Amino acid sequence: MPALSPAGPAATDRLDRQIIHGLQLSPRVPFARLAMVLGVSEQTVSRRYQRMRTHGLVRVFGIVNSAGATSSWLLRIGCRPGTASATAAALAKRTDTSWVSISAGGAELICQVTVDEGQPESREGLLHHLPRAANVLSLTSHQVLHRFIGRGEADWVTSADQLGSDQRRELLAGAPGAPEPAGPGGLTAEDRPLLVALGHDGRASYAALAEATGWTQRKVALRLQNLAETGHIRFDLDTATTALGFREMAYLWFTVAPADLASVGARLADHRPLAWASAVTGAASLVAIALCPDAAALYRYLTSEVAAIREVRTCETVPLFTRVKLAVSLMENGLLRGPVV
């Protein structure tokens, strides 16, 4: 899919998108190493990244990686006319929500909610009180049961601008493998300033993190290494996808027979237009997020790659009109704004 980038400060070119791909593969990779892989100077990579970050195109962030102690839910919220924007803004300000979007002609919200299974008040929070809100007409909740990785999420960037296989190996040579998600037991209240600082800037230097925490740089380095190696924190990216040429985004809700769930999910995870695919509870057993340059590209995807999977019984396509929040970053006019941490 060719990337059709906007003009002005939000424009990106091939090198910008390769830098983003490198950061998706290794969010805290030293710029010197990424520059060597790309065949440019370290100053060029640093300058390009800082420009994209300043203009709200990309944010590297660190976040608690407690998947083993939490459950994830997708909510579809039908709103009274004229209330969707205000409801979405309120949901986006919560630390337990992510991927808040307005869809279905502005009458429906879709968001992801994280529930801490170790705290009863968390389960009785948003999922319990939201149906009582005056501006909520309907609510369906779908627990995420299994996430299909397939070729890997870091490959969703436009194929023409991805790092080649040799470049990936060079970039990741010697890098530790991804640890298993850990529970929250290894984190303490003392870590909170560190987590807040990493939520704002996952590439913050040890000096900046030391200033934010009041620790020495050595203590910051050792603590950060320990939390990362034990799987208590992970690093990821929020990206303004429209700047990469993806102007058509949609949730796809699939129904398949239970016997075909694993195989169909694995096939969907290998589809390049899909950024995310998971098995969920509810009437639809699979859900995915499609990123396409335009409506015509989405149509071609549905009538070719999806149509080729005979086990798919139905596919409900729900376009996203406005993205209000990504994993941690609020969005305004398609660009990243302050994180909620």
Protein backbone atom coordinates (compact mmCIF):
# COMPACT_ATOMS: atom_id res chain seq x y z
CA MET A 1 0.00 0.00 0.00
CA PRO A 2 1.58 3.32 -1.00
CA ALA A 3 1.82 5.87 1.78
CA LEU A 4 0.14 9.15 0.89
CA SER A 5 1.50 11.58 3.44
CA PRO A 6 0.10 15.02 4.21
CA ALA A 7 2.04 18.18 3.55
CA GLY A 8 3.52 20.50 6.15
CA PRO A 9 4.97 19.58 9.55
CA ALA A 10 2.98 16.33 9.60
CA ALA A 11 4.55 15.08 6.36
CA THR A 12 6.67 11.94 6.46
CA ASP A 13 8.99 10.45 3.87
CA ARG A 14 10.58 7.05 3.41
CA LEU A 15 13.35 7.66 5.96
CA ASP A 16 10.87 8.88 8.58
CA ARG A 17 8.80 5.75 8.16
CA GLN A 18 11.87 3.53 8.36
CA ILE A 19 12.85 5.26 11.60
CA ILE A 20 9.35 4.57 12.96
CA HIS A 21 9.62 0.92 11.93
CA GLY A 22 12.99 0.64 13.66
CA LEU A 23 11.50 2.10 16.82
CA GLN A 24 8.58 -0.32 16.62
CA LEU A 25 11.06 -3.18 16.56
CA SER A 26 13.17 -1.73 19.38
CA PRO A 27 11.67 1.38 21.02
CA ARG A 28 14.77 2.33 23.06
CA VAL A 29 17.38 1.38 20.47
CA PRO A 30 20.29 3.87 20.51
CA PHE A 31 20.05 6.33 17.63
CA ALA A 32 23.64 5.47 16.70
CA ARG A 33 22.69 1.85 16.09
CA LEU A 34 19.52 2.75 14.17
CA ALA A 35 21.50 5.25 12.08
CA MET A 36 24.08 2.58 11.22
CA VAL A 37 21.32 0.21 10.08
CA LEU A 38 19.71 2.92 7.92
CA GLY A 39 23.00 4.19 6.49
CA VAL A 40 22.60 7.78 7.72
CA SER A 41 24.15 9.87 10.47
CA GLU A 42 23.11 9.65 14.11
CA GLN A 43 22.30 13.39 14.01
CA THR A 44 19.91 12.81 11.10
CA VAL A 45 17.99 10.08 12.96
CA SER A 46 17.84 12.15 16.15
CA ARG A 47 16.68 15.26 14.30
CA ARG A 48 14.02 13.36 12.35
CA TYR A 49 12.69 11.65 15.46
CA GLN A 50 12.55 14.86 17.49
CA ARG A 51 10.67 16.60 14.68
CA MET A 52 8.11 13.80 14.45
CA ARG A 53 7.71 13.70 18.23
CA THR A 54 7.34 17.49 18.51
CA HIS A 55 4.67 17.59 15.80
CA GLY A 56 2.66 14.72 17.33
CA LEU A 57 3.48 12.01 14.82
CA VAL A 58 5.02 9.47 17.18
CA ARG A 59 5.49 8.84 20.91
CA VAL A 60 7.61 6.12 22.47
CA PHE A 61 6.25 5.25 25.90
CA GLY A 62 6.84 2.83 28.73
CA ILE A 63 3.91 1.16 30.44
CA VAL A 64 3.24 -1.44 33.13
CA ASN A 65 3.18 -4.89 31.55
CA SER A 66 0.82 -6.72 33.90
CA ALA A 67 -1.16 -8.78 31.36
CA GLY A 68 -1.10 -11.80 33.64
CA ALA A 69 -2.94 -9.92 36.38
CA THR A 70 -5.43 -8.03 34.21
CA SER A 71 -8.15 -8.67 31.69
CA SER A 72 -8.86 -6.59 28.61
CA TRP A 73 -12.34 -5.69 27.36
CA LEU A 74 -13.63 -4.03 24.20
CA LEU A 75 -16.69 -1.87 24.75
CA ARG A 76 -19.18 -0.79 22.07
CA ILE A 77 -21.16 2.12 23.47
CA GLY A 78 -24.22 3.54 21.77
CA CYS A 79 -24.69 7.21 22.69
CA ARG A 80 -27.52 9.70 22.61
CA PRO A 81 -27.29 12.07 19.63
CA GLY A 82 -24.78 14.83 20.20
CA THR A 83 -23.12 13.24 23.25
CA ALA A 84 -20.50 10.94 21.69
CA SER A 85 -17.67 13.48 21.67
CA ALA A 86 -18.11 14.46 25.32
CA THR A 87 -18.41 10.83 26.40
CA ALA A 88 -15.32 9.86 24.42
CA ALA A 89 -13.32 12.73 25.92
CA ALA A 90 -14.31 11.67 29.44
CA LEU A 91 -13.37 8.05 28.78
CA ALA A 92 -10.04 9.07 27.23
CA LYS A 93 -8.96 10.83 30.43
CA ARG A 94 -9.10 7.56 32.40
CA THR A 95 -5.89 5.59 32.93
CA ASP A 96 -7.75 2.27 32.49
CA THR A 97 -8.93 3.05 28.93
CA SER A 98 -7.15 3.01 25.58
CA TRP A 99 -7.98 3.07 21.86
CA VAL A 100 -11.00 5.33 22.31
CA SER A 101 -12.69 5.98 18.95
CA ILE A 102 -15.93 7.41 17.59
CA SER A 103 -17.50 5.29 14.86
CA ALA A 104 -20.80 4.41 13.15
CA GLY A 105 -21.70 7.89 11.99
CA GLY A 106 -20.78 9.44 15.33
CA ALA A 107 -23.36 7.47 17.31
CA GLU A 108 -21.11 4.73 18.70
CA LEU A 109 -17.91 4.64 20.73
CA ILE A 110 -15.44 1.79 20.83
CA CYS A 111 -12.78 1.61 23.51
CA GLN A 112 -10.59 -0.86 25.34
CA VAL A 113 -10.73 -1.15 29.13
CA THR A 114 -8.19 -2.85 31.37
CA VAL A 115 -9.54 -4.51 34.51
CA ASP A 116 -7.23 -5.41 37.40
CA GLU A 117 -8.42 -8.85 38.41
CA GLY A 118 -6.71 -8.53 41.78
CA GLN A 119 -8.84 -5.55 42.80
CA PRO A 120 -12.64 -6.07 43.05
CA GLU A 121 -13.22 -2.31 42.81
CA SER A 122 -11.59 -2.33 39.35
CA ARG A 123 -14.05 -4.90 37.99
CA GLU A 124 -16.92 -2.98 39.57
CA GLY A 125 -15.72 0.31 38.11
CA LEU A 126 -16.32 1.41 34.53
CA LEU A 127 -17.97 -1.85 33.39
CA HIS A 128 -20.44 -1.58 36.25
CA HIS A 129 -21.26 2.12 36.19
CA LEU A 130 -21.17 2.97 32.48
CA PRO A 131 -24.57 1.38 31.63
CA ARG A 132 -26.19 3.75 34.16
CA ALA A 133 -24.90 6.90 32.44
CA ALA A 134 -27.71 9.05 31.08
CA ASN A 135 -26.13 9.51 27.64
CA VAL A 136 -25.48 5.76 27.12
CA LEU A 137 -28.21 4.05 25.10
CA SER A 138 -26.55 0.65 24.70
CA LEU A 139 -23.45 -1.19 25.81
CA THR A 140 -21.91 -4.48 24.74
CA SER A 141 -18.69 -5.72 26.34
CA HIS A 142 -16.34 -8.27 24.78
CA GLN A 143 -13.50 -9.78 26.76
CA VAL A 144 -10.29 -10.25 24.79
CA LEU A 145 -9.46 -13.95 25.12
CA HIS A 146 -6.44 -14.34 22.87
CA ARG A 147 -4.29 -12.04 20.77
CA PHE A 148 -3.01 -13.34 17.44
CA ILE A 149 0.49 -12.09 16.69
CA GLY A 150 1.17 -13.68 13.30
CA ARG A 151 3.88 -11.87 11.40
CA GLY A 152 4.25 -9.40 14.26
CA GLU A 153 2.68 -6.01 14.90
CA ALA A 154 5.86 -4.18 13.95
CA ASP A 155 5.23 -5.10 10.30
CA TRP A 156 2.07 -3.07 9.75
CA VAL A 157 3.92 -0.02 8.42
CA THR A 158 3.69 0.36 4.62
CA SER A 159 5.56 -2.51 3.03
CA ALA A 160 7.63 -0.32 0.70
CA ASP A 161 9.16 1.53 3.68
CA GLN A 162 9.86 -1.35 6.04
CA LEU A 163 13.31 -2.36 7.12
CA GLY A 164 14.59 -5.37 5.21
CA SER A 165 15.25 -8.70 6.90
CA ASP A 166 19.01 -8.05 7.06
CA GLN A 167 18.41 -4.63 8.59
CA ARG A 168 16.09 -6.13 11.21
CA ARG A 169 18.65 -8.75 12.19
CA GLU A 170 21.34 -6.08 12.45
CA LEU A 171 19.11 -3.82 14.53
CA LEU A 172 18.08 -6.57 16.95
CA ALA A 173 21.42 -8.41 17.17
CA GLY A 174 22.19 -9.05 20.81
CA ALA A 175 18.92 -7.52 22.01
CA PRO A 176 17.16 -9.50 24.77
CA GLY A 177 13.98 -11.34 23.85
CA ALA A 178 10.63 -10.07 25.02
CA PRO A 179 9.98 -11.29 28.59
CA GLU A 180 6.72 -12.83 29.65
CA PRO A 181 4.19 -10.38 31.14
CA ALA A 182 4.63 -10.14 34.89
CA GLY A 183 2.23 -9.37 37.67
CA PRO A 184 2.36 -6.09 39.57
CA GLY A 185 4.16 -7.58 42.56
CA GLY A 186 7.58 -6.27 41.54
CA LEU A 187 6.42 -2.65 41.39
CA THR A 188 6.32 -0.34 44.39
CA ALA A 189 4.94 3.13 45.12
CA GLU A 190 8.49 4.42 44.74
CA ASP A 191 8.37 3.44 41.06
CA ARG A 192 5.42 5.72 40.29
CA PRO A 193 7.50 8.81 39.27
CA LEU A 194 9.59 6.60 36.98
CA LEU A 195 6.49 5.15 35.32
CA VAL A 196 4.96 8.61 34.83
CA ALA A 197 8.16 9.90 33.24
CA LEU A 198 8.37 6.89 30.90
CA GLY A 199 4.70 7.33 29.99
CA HIS A 200 5.54 10.80 28.71
CA ASP A 201 8.78 9.79 27.02
CA GLY A 202 9.83 6.17 26.74
CA ARG A 203 13.20 7.26 25.34
CA ALA A 204 13.98 9.64 28.19
CA SER A 205 17.66 9.66 29.14
CA TYR A 206 18.89 8.37 32.48
CA ALA A 207 19.66 11.99 33.41
CA ALA A 208 16.07 13.06 32.69
CA LEU A 209 14.68 10.07 34.58
CA ALA A 210 16.98 10.79 37.52
CA GLU A 211 15.65 14.35 37.66
CA ALA A 212 12.05 13.09 37.54
CA THR A 213 12.55 10.51 40.29
CA GLY A 214 15.14 12.16 42.52
CA TRP A 215 17.34 9.07 42.12
CA THR A 216 20.89 8.80 40.90
CA GLN A 217 21.42 7.90 37.24
CA ARG A 218 22.94 4.59 38.32
CA LYS A 219 19.86 3.70 40.38
CA VAL A 220 17.59 4.66 37.47
CA ALA A 221 19.57 2.51 35.05
CA LEU A 222 19.59 -0.52 37.33
CA ARG A 223 15.89 -0.22 38.21
CA LEU A 224 14.85 0.27 34.60
CA GLN A 225 16.90 -2.73 33.50
CA ASN A 226 15.41 -4.88 36.24
CA LEU A 227 11.80 -3.92 35.49
CA ALA A 228 12.29 -4.50 31.76
CA GLU A 229 14.07 -7.84 32.15
CA THR A 230 11.46 -9.18 34.58
CA GLY A 231 8.61 -8.13 32.32
CA HIS A 232 7.10 -5.55 34.66
CA ILE A 233 7.30 -2.78 32.07
CA ARG A 234 7.34 -2.74 28.29
CA PHE A 235 7.95 -0.11 25.64
CA ASP A 236 5.75 0.65 22.65
CA LEU A 237 4.75 3.40 20.20
CA ASP A 238 1.73 5.54 19.59
CA THR A 239 1.70 6.71 15.96
CA ALA A 240 -0.43 9.21 14.06
CA THR A 241 -1.41 6.73 11.36
CA THR A 242 -2.88 9.32 9.00
CA ALA A 243 0.62 10.79 8.65
CA LEU A 244 1.71 7.39 7.34
CA GLY A 245 -1.01 7.39 4.71
CA PHE A 246 -3.70 5.36 6.52
CA ARG A 247 -6.87 7.44 6.21
CA GLU A 248 -9.39 4.58 6.32
CA MET A 249 -9.53 2.73 9.64
CA ALA A 250 -12.18 0.22 10.65
CA TYR A 251 -13.02 -2.42 13.22
CA LEU A 252 -13.88 -5.74 11.62
CA TRP A 253 -16.08 -8.08 13.67
CA PHE A 254 -15.98 -11.66 12.35
CA THR A 255 -18.11 -14.67 13.19
CA VAL A 256 -16.58 -18.12 12.68
CA ALA A 257 -17.28 -21.57 14.06
CA PRO A 258 -15.40 -22.45 17.28
CA ALA A 259 -13.54 -25.20 15.43
CA ASP A 260 -12.13 -22.60 13.01
CA LEU A 261 -11.35 -19.88 15.52
CA ALA A 262 -7.62 -20.55 15.94
CA SER A 263 -6.85 -21.14 12.27
CA VAL A 264 -8.81 -18.13 11.03
CA GLY A 265 -7.30 -15.89 13.69
CA ALA A 266 -3.81 -16.97 12.69
CA ARG A 267 -4.53 -16.26 9.02
CA LEU A 268 -5.95 -12.83 9.79
CA ALA A 269 -2.90 -11.93 11.88
CA ASP A 270 -0.74 -12.42 8.77
CA HIS A 271 -2.79 -9.96 6.70
CA ARG A 272 -0.79 -6.79 6.15
CA PRO A 273 -3.77 -4.36 6.39
CA LEU A 274 -4.57 -5.58 9.92
CA ALA A 275 -2.82 -3.90 12.84
CA TRP A 276 -4.38 -6.13 15.51
CA ALA A 277 -6.49 -9.30 15.65
CA SER A 278 -7.93 -11.08 18.69
CA ALA A 279 -10.45 -13.69 19.77
CA VAL A 280 -13.22 -12.15 21.89
CA THR A 281 -16.39 -13.11 23.68
CA GLY A 282 -19.80 -12.19 22.31
CA ALA A 283 -21.73 -12.67 19.09
CA ALA A 284 -18.60 -11.99 17.02
CA SER A 285 -15.77 -14.35 17.91
CA LEU A 286 -12.93 -12.43 16.23
CA VAL A 287 -12.19 -8.72 15.98
CA ALA A 288 -9.49 -6.90 14.03
CA ILE A 289 -8.45 -3.34 13.19
CA ALA A 290 -7.84 -2.58 9.52
CA LEU A 291 -5.64 0.32 8.36
CA CYS A 292 -5.96 1.26 4.69
CA PRO A 293 -5.06 4.28 2.54
CA ASP A 294 -8.69 4.82 1.51
CA ALA A 295 -12.12 3.22 1.22
CA ALA A 296 -11.24 1.60 -2.10
CA ALA A 297 -8.29 -0.20 -0.51
CA LEU A 298 -10.50 -1.42 2.34
CA TYR A 299 -13.02 -2.72 -0.20
CA ARG A 300 -10.29 -4.57 -2.10
CA TYR A 301 -9.05 -6.12 1.13
CA LEU A 302 -12.51 -7.31 2.15
CA THR A 303 -13.33 -8.74 -1.28
CA SER A 304 -9.99 -10.46 -1.75
CA GLU A 305 -8.08 -11.55 1.36
CA VAL A 306 -11.07 -11.76 3.72
CA ALA A 307 -13.28 -13.31 1.05
CA ALA A 308 -10.66 -16.02 0.51
CA ILE A 309 -11.20 -17.31 4.08
CA ARG A 310 -14.22 -19.54 3.54
CA GLU A 311 -14.60 -20.20 7.26
CA VAL A 312 -15.60 -16.56 7.87
CA ARG A 313 -19.38 -16.56 8.14
CA THR A 314 -19.99 -12.82 8.53
CA CYS A 315 -17.92 -9.65 8.75
CA GLU A 316 -19.30 -6.43 10.23
CA THR A 317 -17.26 -3.42 9.11
CA VAL A 318 -17.34 -0.41 11.46
CA PRO A 319 -15.35 2.61 10.18
CA LEU A 320 -13.60 4.82 12.70
CA PHE A 321 -14.40 8.47 12.13
CA THR A 322 -12.44 10.01 15.01
CA ARG A 323 -9.66 8.56 17.12
CA VAL A 324 -9.74 10.23 20.53
CA LYS A 325 -7.04 8.23 22.31
CA LEU A 326 -4.46 5.60 21.36
CA ALA A 327 -2.66 3.40 23.88
CA VAL A 328 -1.71 6.37 26.12
CA SER A 329 -1.83 9.46 23.89
CA LEU A 330 -4.79 11.74 23.44
CA MET A 331 -5.43 12.78 19.83
CA GLU A 332 -6.47 16.08 18.27
CA ASN A 333 -6.98 16.59 14.54
CA GLY A 334 -5.25 13.29 13.88
CA LEU A 335 -2.08 14.16 15.82
CA LEU A 336 -0.80 12.97 19.20
CA ARG A 337 -1.20 15.19 22.22
CA GLY A 338 -0.44 14.67 25.90
CA PRO A 339 -0.42 11.13 27.35
CA VAL A 340 -2.71 9.91 30.12
CA VAL A 341 -0.51 8.16 32.69
